[in-house]
Amino acid sequence: MGSMYLAECRCGYTHEIHVGKGAMADSPDLFPFFCDQDGLILVNVEATRLRCPRSHCRTSRIRSYGRPPISPMFGKREQHGDRALTLSDNLCPACQQMNLNFSLIGNFD
């Protein structure tokens, strides 16, 4: 089962994301990353090569939320497989400040 989060920043940026894997056998295992060109993206962490999923970009130079420098080293975290999502003070893709927070809003299958 996966988790749904609302990413919110005090600058006004909001985005709903799905993290983890659904119940279907072929569903991807998604986790949020930051791409310099596309901002907050969801990447299938089961892929052999992690890259931006947007067809115009496809760069492998992406950074995982939950790890410095785009997330703080310490703070409340939610575990998803071998990755942990830091819930507060993350890099906002809109204002480029460390004010993005992830709030759990539900689950999905």
N, C-alpha and C. Protein backbone atom coordinates (compact mmCIF):
# COMPACT_ATOMS: atom_id res chain seq x y z
N MET A 1 0.84 -1.18 0.00
CA MET A 1 0.00 0.00 0.00
C MET A 1 0.89 1.24 0.00
N GLY A 2 0.48 2.23 -0.76
CA GLY A 2 1.22 3.48 -0.83
C GLY A 2 0.57 4.57 0.01
N SER A 3 1.27 5.68 0.12
CA SER A 3 0.79 6.81 0.92
C SER A 3 0.62 8.04 0.04
N MET A 4 -0.40 8.83 0.35
CA MET A 4 -0.63 10.10 -0.35
C MET A 4 -0.22 11.23 0.57
N TYR A 5 0.52 12.18 0.02
CA TYR A 5 0.99 13.33 0.78
C TYR A 5 0.58 14.61 0.06
N LEU A 6 0.39 15.66 0.84
CA LEU A 6 0.23 16.99 0.29
C LEU A 6 1.52 17.73 0.58
N ALA A 7 2.21 18.16 -0.47
CA ALA A 7 3.42 18.97 -0.32
C ALA A 7 2.98 20.43 -0.32
N GLU A 8 3.33 21.16 0.73
CA GLU A 8 2.92 22.55 0.86
C GLU A 8 4.08 23.42 1.33
N CYS A 9 4.13 24.63 0.80
CA CYS A 9 5.13 25.62 1.21
C CYS A 9 4.41 26.91 1.57
N ARG A 10 5.01 27.70 2.44
CA ARG A 10 4.38 28.97 2.81
C ARG A 10 4.35 29.97 1.66
N CYS A 11 5.09 29.71 0.59
CA CYS A 11 5.05 30.59 -0.59
C CYS A 11 3.75 30.40 -1.39
N GLY A 12 2.99 29.33 -1.06
CA GLY A 12 1.74 29.05 -1.76
C GLY A 12 1.79 27.81 -2.63
N TYR A 13 2.98 27.23 -2.83
CA TYR A 13 3.12 26.03 -3.63
C TYR A 13 2.41 24.86 -2.94
N THR A 14 1.61 24.10 -3.69
CA THR A 14 1.00 22.86 -3.20
C THR A 14 1.01 21.82 -4.32
N HIS A 15 1.17 20.58 -3.93
CA HIS A 15 1.18 19.49 -4.90
C HIS A 15 0.87 18.19 -4.17
N GLU A 16 -0.09 17.41 -4.66
CA GLU A 16 -0.41 16.11 -4.08
C GLU A 16 0.45 15.06 -4.75
N ILE A 17 1.07 14.19 -3.94
CA ILE A 17 1.93 13.14 -4.48
C ILE A 17 1.54 11.77 -3.90
N HIS A 18 1.87 10.73 -4.65
CA HIS A 18 1.70 9.35 -4.21
C HIS A 18 3.09 8.75 -4.01
N VAL A 19 3.33 8.18 -2.84
CA VAL A 19 4.63 7.62 -2.50
C VAL A 19 4.44 6.14 -2.16
N GLY A 20 5.32 5.31 -2.69
CA GLY A 20 5.24 3.88 -2.43
C GLY A 20 4.66 3.14 -3.62
N LYS A 21 4.16 1.95 -3.33
CA LYS A 21 3.70 1.05 -4.38
C LYS A 21 2.25 0.65 -4.12
N GLY A 22 1.48 0.63 -5.18
CA GLY A 22 0.09 0.18 -5.08
C GLY A 22 0.01 -1.33 -5.01
N ALA A 23 -1.21 -1.84 -4.89
CA ALA A 23 -1.43 -3.28 -4.74
C ALA A 23 -1.23 -4.07 -6.03
N MET A 24 -1.37 -3.42 -7.17
CA MET A 24 -1.20 -4.12 -8.45
C MET A 24 0.26 -4.54 -8.61
N ALA A 25 0.49 -5.72 -9.12
CA ALA A 25 1.84 -6.27 -9.25
C ALA A 25 2.75 -5.41 -10.12
N ASP A 26 2.19 -4.75 -11.13
CA ASP A 26 3.03 -3.97 -12.04
C ASP A 26 3.08 -2.48 -11.71
N SER A 27 2.55 -2.08 -10.55
CA SER A 27 2.56 -0.66 -10.21
C SER A 27 3.97 -0.23 -9.79
N PRO A 28 4.39 0.98 -10.17
CA PRO A 28 5.74 1.45 -9.82
C PRO A 28 5.86 1.81 -8.35
N ASP A 29 7.06 1.75 -7.81
CA ASP A 29 7.36 2.15 -6.44
C ASP A 29 7.89 3.59 -6.50
N LEU A 30 7.02 4.54 -6.20
CA LEU A 30 7.33 5.96 -6.40
C LEU A 30 7.88 6.63 -5.15
N PHE A 31 8.81 7.58 -5.38
CA PHE A 31 9.37 8.37 -4.30
C PHE A 31 9.69 9.75 -4.87
N PRO A 32 9.51 10.81 -4.05
CA PRO A 32 9.76 12.16 -4.56
C PRO A 32 11.26 12.49 -4.68
N PHE A 33 11.58 13.13 -5.79
CA PHE A 33 12.93 13.61 -6.07
C PHE A 33 12.83 15.06 -6.53
N PHE A 34 13.97 15.72 -6.58
CA PHE A 34 14.03 17.09 -7.08
C PHE A 34 14.88 17.11 -8.34
N CYS A 35 14.32 17.71 -9.39
CA CYS A 35 15.03 17.90 -10.65
C CYS A 35 15.21 19.41 -10.84
N ASP A 36 16.41 19.84 -11.18
CA ASP A 36 16.66 21.27 -11.36
C ASP A 36 15.75 21.89 -12.41
N GLN A 37 15.40 21.14 -13.44
CA GLN A 37 14.56 21.66 -14.51
C GLN A 37 13.07 21.55 -14.19
N ASP A 38 12.65 20.45 -13.56
CA ASP A 38 11.23 20.17 -13.40
C ASP A 38 10.72 20.23 -11.96
N GLY A 39 11.58 20.52 -11.00
CA GLY A 39 11.15 20.64 -9.60
C GLY A 39 10.83 19.30 -8.97
N LEU A 40 9.72 19.23 -8.24
CA LEU A 40 9.30 18.02 -7.55
C LEU A 40 8.78 17.01 -8.57
N ILE A 41 9.42 15.85 -8.60
CA ILE A 41 9.04 14.79 -9.53
C ILE A 41 8.88 13.48 -8.74
N LEU A 42 8.16 12.53 -9.30
CA LEU A 42 8.05 11.20 -8.71
C LEU A 42 8.81 10.21 -9.59
N VAL A 43 9.68 9.44 -8.96
CA VAL A 43 10.55 8.52 -9.69
C VAL A 43 10.30 7.10 -9.21
N ASN A 44 10.26 6.16 -10.14
CA ASN A 44 10.14 4.75 -9.81
C ASN A 44 11.50 4.27 -9.29
N VAL A 45 11.59 4.03 -7.98
CA VAL A 45 12.87 3.67 -7.38
C VAL A 45 13.26 2.22 -7.65
N GLU A 46 12.41 1.46 -8.32
CA GLU A 46 12.76 0.10 -8.72
C GLU A 46 13.46 0.07 -10.08
N ALA A 47 13.50 1.20 -10.75
CA ALA A 47 14.14 1.27 -12.07
C ALA A 47 15.65 1.07 -11.93
N THR A 48 16.27 0.52 -12.97
CA THR A 48 17.70 0.30 -12.92
C THR A 48 18.48 1.61 -12.95
N ARG A 49 17.92 2.62 -13.60
CA ARG A 49 18.57 3.93 -13.65
C ARG A 49 17.54 4.99 -13.25
N LEU A 50 17.81 5.68 -12.16
CA LEU A 50 16.89 6.70 -11.69
C LEU A 50 17.08 7.97 -12.52
N ARG A 51 15.98 8.47 -13.07
CA ARG A 51 16.04 9.66 -13.91
C ARG A 51 14.72 10.40 -13.87
N CYS A 52 14.74 11.65 -14.31
CA CYS A 52 13.52 12.45 -14.39
C CYS A 52 12.57 11.77 -15.37
N PRO A 53 11.30 11.57 -14.97
CA PRO A 53 10.37 10.88 -15.86
C PRO A 53 9.80 11.76 -16.98
N ARG A 54 10.05 13.05 -16.94
CA ARG A 54 9.49 13.95 -17.96
C ARG A 54 10.23 13.75 -19.28
N SER A 55 9.49 13.54 -20.36
CA SER A 55 10.09 13.19 -21.65
C SER A 55 11.02 14.26 -22.20
N HIS A 56 10.80 15.52 -21.88
CA HIS A 56 11.67 16.58 -22.39
C HIS A 56 12.97 16.70 -21.60
N CYS A 57 13.08 16.00 -20.49
CA CYS A 57 14.25 16.14 -19.60
C CYS A 57 15.07 14.84 -19.56
N ARG A 58 14.56 13.84 -18.86
CA ARG A 58 15.17 12.51 -18.72
C ARG A 58 16.56 12.51 -18.07
N THR A 59 16.94 13.59 -17.37
CA THR A 59 18.25 13.64 -16.74
C THR A 59 18.34 12.65 -15.58
N SER A 60 19.54 12.17 -15.33
CA SER A 60 19.78 11.32 -14.16
C SER A 60 20.35 12.15 -13.01
N ARG A 61 20.50 13.45 -13.21
CA ARG A 61 21.01 14.35 -12.18
C ARG A 61 19.85 14.86 -11.32
N ILE A 62 19.29 13.94 -10.53
CA ILE A 62 18.17 14.25 -9.66
C ILE A 62 18.58 13.95 -8.22
N ARG A 63 17.90 14.58 -7.26
CA ARG A 63 18.23 14.39 -5.85
C ARG A 63 16.99 13.94 -5.09
N SER A 64 17.17 12.97 -4.23
CA SER A 64 16.08 12.38 -3.46
C SER A 64 15.69 13.26 -2.29
N TYR A 65 14.38 13.49 -2.13
CA TYR A 65 13.91 14.11 -0.90
C TYR A 65 14.19 13.13 0.23
N GLY A 66 14.40 13.65 1.42
CA GLY A 66 14.74 12.81 2.57
C GLY A 66 16.23 12.73 2.81
N ARG A 67 17.02 13.37 1.93
CA ARG A 67 18.48 13.38 2.05
C ARG A 67 19.01 14.79 1.80
N PRO A 68 20.08 15.18 2.53
CA PRO A 68 20.69 16.48 2.25
C PRO A 68 21.21 16.51 0.81
N PRO A 69 21.27 17.62 0.15
CA PRO A 69 21.08 18.98 0.66
C PRO A 69 19.64 19.50 0.50
N ILE A 70 18.72 18.72 -0.03
CA ILE A 70 17.36 19.26 -0.24
C ILE A 70 16.41 18.93 0.90
N SER A 71 16.86 18.16 1.86
CA SER A 71 16.09 17.85 3.07
C SER A 71 17.04 17.92 4.26
N PRO A 72 16.52 18.28 5.43
CA PRO A 72 17.40 18.33 6.60
C PRO A 72 17.86 16.93 7.01
N MET A 73 18.98 16.88 7.69
CA MET A 73 19.56 15.62 8.14
C MET A 73 18.70 14.97 9.22
N PHE A 74 18.07 15.81 10.05
CA PHE A 74 17.27 15.31 11.16
C PHE A 74 15.85 15.83 11.05
N GLY A 75 14.94 15.21 11.75
CA GLY A 75 13.55 15.62 11.74
C GLY A 75 12.65 14.40 11.62
N LYS A 76 11.34 14.63 11.75
CA LYS A 76 10.38 13.53 11.65
C LYS A 76 10.38 12.98 10.23
N ARG A 77 10.42 11.65 10.14
CA ARG A 77 10.51 10.99 8.84
C ARG A 77 9.47 9.87 8.76
N GLU A 78 9.05 9.60 7.53
CA GLU A 78 8.16 8.46 7.24
C GLU A 78 8.96 7.49 6.37
N GLN A 79 9.04 6.25 6.81
CA GLN A 79 9.81 5.24 6.09
C GLN A 79 9.00 4.68 4.93
N HIS A 80 9.63 4.54 3.76
CA HIS A 80 9.03 3.92 2.57
C HIS A 80 10.09 3.00 1.96
N GLY A 81 10.01 1.73 2.31
CA GLY A 81 11.02 0.79 1.84
C GLY A 81 12.37 1.14 2.44
N ASP A 82 13.38 1.28 1.59
CA ASP A 82 14.71 1.64 2.10
C ASP A 82 14.94 3.15 2.06
N ARG A 83 13.91 3.93 1.80
CA ARG A 83 14.01 5.39 1.77
C ARG A 83 13.12 5.99 2.85
N ALA A 84 13.50 7.16 3.34
CA ALA A 84 12.70 7.85 4.34
C ALA A 84 12.44 9.28 3.86
N LEU A 85 11.20 9.70 3.97
CA LEU A 85 10.79 11.04 3.56
C LEU A 85 10.78 11.95 4.79
N THR A 86 11.59 13.00 4.76
CA THR A 86 11.60 14.00 5.83
C THR A 86 10.36 14.87 5.64
N LEU A 87 9.58 15.04 6.70
CA LEU A 87 8.27 15.68 6.55
C LEU A 87 8.30 17.20 6.55
N SER A 88 9.33 17.82 7.09
CA SER A 88 9.34 19.29 7.14
C SER A 88 10.68 19.87 6.72
N ASP A 89 10.62 21.14 6.33
CA ASP A 89 11.81 21.93 5.99
C ASP A 89 12.60 21.40 4.80
N ASN A 90 11.89 20.97 3.76
CA ASN A 90 12.51 20.49 2.52
C ASN A 90 12.60 21.63 1.50
N LEU A 91 13.37 21.42 0.46
CA LEU A 91 13.53 22.42 -0.60
C LEU A 91 12.25 22.54 -1.41
N CYS A 92 11.73 23.76 -1.49
CA CYS A 92 10.53 24.03 -2.29
C CYS A 92 10.94 24.26 -3.74
N PRO A 93 10.29 23.59 -4.69
CA PRO A 93 10.63 23.78 -6.10
C PRO A 93 10.21 25.15 -6.64
N ALA A 94 9.29 25.82 -5.95
CA ALA A 94 8.81 27.12 -6.43
C ALA A 94 9.67 28.28 -5.95
N CYS A 95 9.90 28.37 -4.64
CA CYS A 95 10.62 29.52 -4.09
C CYS A 95 12.09 29.22 -3.77
N GLN A 96 12.49 27.97 -3.87
CA GLN A 96 13.86 27.52 -3.61
C GLN A 96 14.29 27.73 -2.15
N GLN A 97 13.33 27.79 -1.24
CA GLN A 97 13.62 27.90 0.19
C GLN A 97 13.33 26.56 0.87
N MET A 98 13.90 26.35 2.04
CA MET A 98 13.72 25.10 2.77
C MET A 98 12.46 25.16 3.64
N ASN A 99 11.31 25.35 2.98
CA ASN A 99 10.04 25.51 3.68
C ASN A 99 8.96 24.54 3.21
N LEU A 100 9.32 23.52 2.44
CA LEU A 100 8.33 22.58 1.92
C LEU A 100 8.06 21.48 2.95
N ASN A 101 6.78 21.28 3.26
CA ASN A 101 6.37 20.25 4.22
C ASN A 101 5.48 19.23 3.53
N PHE A 102 5.64 17.97 3.93
CA PHE A 102 4.82 16.87 3.43
C PHE A 102 3.87 16.43 4.53
N SER A 103 2.55 16.44 4.25
CA SER A 103 1.54 16.00 5.22
C SER A 103 0.83 14.78 4.67
N LEU A 104 0.77 13.72 5.46
CA LEU A 104 0.07 12.50 5.07
C LEU A 104 -1.41 12.78 4.99
N ILE A 105 -2.03 12.49 3.83
CA ILE A 105 -3.47 12.75 3.66
C ILE A 105 -4.27 11.48 3.38
N GLY A 106 -3.58 10.34 3.21
CA GLY A 106 -4.30 9.10 2.96
C GLY A 106 -3.39 8.01 2.43
N ASN A 107 -4.01 6.93 2.04
CA ASN A 107 -3.31 5.78 1.47
C ASN A 107 -3.96 5.37 0.17
N PHE A 108 -3.23 4.61 -0.64
CA PHE A 108 -3.80 4.07 -1.87
C PHE A 108 -3.35 2.64 -2.06
N ASP A 109 -4.13 1.89 -2.85
CA ASP A 109 -3.80 0.49 -3.17
C ASP A 109 -3.27 0.38 -4.56
